[in-house]
Structure formats: structure tokens, C-alpha cells
Amino acid sequence: MGIFDFRDPNKRKKAAKGMNIHIQCDPNEIRINDVIISFPTNYGVLKDVLGNATRIEPINQTKNNVYLWDDLGIYCSSPDSEK
């Protein structure tokens, strides 16, 4: 059982070929493909580094959406993609 099992696995998209992601975590910063990511961040910043999310799904009974990069095992959630 994985952390993302609450999401419908039938909606997962196939992994994009040839995409390499390098994540480096230091005590003061996180870098994704040598781009420093400040937290909290927004979807636009992640989209610039990771590309478009493979799925965007609403969270039931909230205003939040979950942005998922299935092939990378990365997700984030927010009520507003700009925040």
C-alpha cells in the first residue's frame, strides 16, 4: 500500500520517457534540477521545473485541488494554484 493509494490508480498516466529529475535537499534549500524552490511555493513554479501536472483532481468537500506528477511520485495541494 502506497502513500497515494487514496487516488484512483486507473487515472494514472504513463511515465514520460526521457525526463530526468534531480532533487537536492540541503538544510537551507531544496533544488529541483538546479532551480532553488522556496516553500511555500505555487503551482506555476513547480510547473516551470517539472512540467504540467499529469493530473489535477479536486479534494472532496474542500476548495483544494491536488496536482499530481504520477511518473515522478510528486504531488502538492492548494486551494489556489497561485498560492
C-alpha atoms as a PDB file:
ATOM      1  CA  MET A   1       0.000   0.000   0.000  1.00  0.00           C
ATOM      2  CA  GLY A   2       1.478   3.342  -1.063  1.00  0.00           C
ATOM      3  CA  ILE A   3       1.027   6.886   0.110  1.00  0.00           C
ATOM      4  CA  PHE A   4      -1.017   7.805  -2.971  1.00  0.00           C
ATOM      5  CA  ASP A   5      -3.404   4.826  -2.776  1.00  0.00           C
ATOM      6  CA  PHE A   6      -6.311   7.120  -1.896  1.00  0.00           C
ATOM      7  CA  ARG A   7      -6.152   8.408  -5.510  1.00  0.00           C
ATOM      8  CA  ASP A   8      -7.784   6.363  -8.267  1.00  0.00           C
ATOM      9  CA  PRO A   9      -4.924   4.364  -9.873  1.00  0.00           C
ATOM     10  CA  ASN A  10      -6.947   3.942 -13.071  1.00  0.00           C
ATOM     11  CA  LYS A  11      -6.488   7.656 -13.753  1.00  0.00           C
ATOM     12  CA  ARG A  12      -2.686   7.482 -13.629  1.00  0.00           C
ATOM     13  CA  LYS A  13      -0.918   8.420 -16.813  1.00  0.00           C
ATOM     14  CA  LYS A  14       2.083   6.635 -18.244  1.00  0.00           C
ATOM     15  CA  ALA A  15       5.531   7.972 -17.426  1.00  0.00           C
ATOM     16  CA  ALA A  16       7.078  10.390 -19.883  1.00  0.00           C
ATOM     17  CA  LYS A  17      10.171   8.920 -21.499  1.00  0.00           C
ATOM     18  CA  GLY A  18      13.491  10.659 -21.085  1.00  0.00           C
ATOM     19  CA  MET A  19      12.576  13.058 -18.267  1.00  0.00           C
ATOM     20  CA  ASN A  20      15.233  13.202 -15.558  1.00  0.00           C
ATOM     21  CA  ILE A  21      14.621  14.985 -12.286  1.00  0.00           C
ATOM     22  CA  HIS A  22      17.396  15.695  -9.809  1.00  0.00           C
ATOM     23  CA  ILE A  23      16.257  16.766  -6.331  1.00  0.00           C
ATOM     24  CA  GLN A  24      18.808  18.027  -3.826  1.00  0.00           C
ATOM     25  CA  CYS A  25      17.777  18.827  -0.266  1.00  0.00           C
ATOM     26  CA  ASP A  26      20.041  20.888   1.972  1.00  0.00           C
ATOM     27  CA  PRO A  27      19.279  22.338   5.422  1.00  0.00           C
ATOM     28  CA  ASN A  28      18.541  25.751   3.875  1.00  0.00           C
ATOM     29  CA  GLU A  29      17.038  24.999   0.462  1.00  0.00           C
ATOM     30  CA  ILE A  30      15.609  22.492  -1.966  1.00  0.00           C
ATOM     31  CA  ARG A  31      16.802  22.388  -5.560  1.00  0.00           C
ATOM     32  CA  ILE A  32      14.985  20.648  -8.387  1.00  0.00           C
ATOM     33  CA  ASN A  33      17.153  20.408 -11.497  1.00  0.00           C
ATOM     34  CA  ASP A  34      19.397  23.143 -10.015  1.00  0.00           C
ATOM     35  CA  VAL A  35      16.460  25.549  -9.529  1.00  0.00           C
ATOM     36  CA  ILE A  36      16.046  26.720  -5.925  1.00  0.00           C
ATOM     37  CA  ILE A  37      12.476  26.188  -4.739  1.00  0.00           C
ATOM     38  CA  SER A  38      11.205  28.305  -1.846  1.00  0.00           C
ATOM     39  CA  PHE A  39       8.387  26.968   0.295  1.00  0.00           C
ATOM     40  CA  PRO A  40       5.587  27.662   0.393  1.00  0.00           C
ATOM     41  CA  THR A  41       5.550  27.764  -3.388  1.00  0.00           C
ATOM     42  CA  ASN A  42       2.874  27.756  -6.087  1.00  0.00           C
ATOM     43  CA  TYR A  43       1.860  25.527  -8.966  1.00  0.00           C
ATOM     44  CA  GLY A  44       3.423  27.880 -11.522  1.00  0.00           C
ATOM     45  CA  VAL A  45       6.893  27.444 -10.033  1.00  0.00           C
ATOM     46  CA  LEU A  46       6.553  23.657  -9.922  1.00  0.00           C
ATOM     47  CA  LYS A  47       5.129  23.591 -13.445  1.00  0.00           C
ATOM     48  CA  ASP A  48       8.145  25.542 -14.733  1.00  0.00           C
ATOM     49  CA  VAL A  49      10.518  22.979 -13.231  1.00  0.00           C
ATOM     50  CA  LEU A  50       8.543  19.720 -13.545  1.00  0.00           C
ATOM     51  CA  GLY A  51       6.245  20.456 -16.490  1.00  0.00           C
ATOM     52  CA  ASN A  52       2.456  20.265 -16.360  1.00  0.00           C
ATOM     53  CA  ALA A  53       0.953  18.010 -13.720  1.00  0.00           C
ATOM     54  CA  THR A  54      -0.245  14.723 -15.169  1.00  0.00           C
ATOM     55  CA  ARG A  55      -3.488  15.107 -13.211  1.00  0.00           C
ATOM     56  CA  ILE A  56      -5.317  17.802 -11.290  1.00  0.00           C
ATOM     57  CA  GLU A  57      -8.059  16.469  -9.043  1.00  0.00           C
ATOM     58  CA  PRO A  58     -10.360  18.136  -6.523  1.00  0.00           C
ATOM     59  CA  ILE A  59     -10.281  17.090  -2.886  1.00  0.00           C
ATOM     60  CA  ASN A  60     -13.810  16.181  -1.834  1.00  0.00           C
ATOM     61  CA  GLN A  61     -15.660  18.681   0.349  1.00  0.00           C
ATOM     62  CA  THR A  62     -12.885  21.315   0.109  1.00  0.00           C
ATOM     63  CA  LYS A  63     -11.814  24.030  -2.298  1.00  0.00           C
ATOM     64  CA  ASN A  64      -8.409  22.373  -2.688  1.00  0.00           C
ATOM     65  CA  ASN A  65      -7.024  20.682  -5.758  1.00  0.00           C
ATOM     66  CA  VAL A  66      -4.288  18.057  -5.813  1.00  0.00           C
ATOM     67  CA  TYR A  67      -1.650  18.484  -8.519  1.00  0.00           C
ATOM     68  CA  LEU A  68      -0.036  15.125  -9.308  1.00  0.00           C
ATOM     69  CA  TRP A  69       3.043  14.193 -11.300  1.00  0.00           C
ATOM     70  CA  ASP A  70       2.371  10.447 -11.293  1.00  0.00           C
ATOM     71  CA  ASP A  71       5.536   9.455 -13.122  1.00  0.00           C
ATOM     72  CA  LEU A  72       7.686  11.341 -10.594  1.00  0.00           C
ATOM     73  CA  GLY A  73       5.772  10.438  -7.424  1.00  0.00           C
ATOM     74  CA  ILE A  74       5.283  14.117  -6.584  1.00  0.00           C
ATOM     75  CA  TYR A  75       2.111  15.872  -5.539  1.00  0.00           C
ATOM     76  CA  CYS A  76       1.043  19.144  -3.992  1.00  0.00           C
ATOM     77  CA  SER A  77      -2.298  20.554  -2.937  1.00  0.00           C
ATOM     78  CA  SER A  78      -3.694  24.044  -2.640  1.00  0.00           C
ATOM     79  CA  PRO A  79      -6.998  25.910  -2.651  1.00  0.00           C
ATOM     80  CA  ASP A  80      -5.417  28.407  -5.080  1.00  0.00           C
ATOM     81  CA  SER A  81      -2.805  27.414  -7.670  1.00  0.00           C
ATOM     82  CA  GLU A  82      -1.188  30.846  -7.354  1.00  0.00           C
ATOM     83  CA  LYS A  83      -0.522  30.438  -3.631  1.00  0.00           C
END
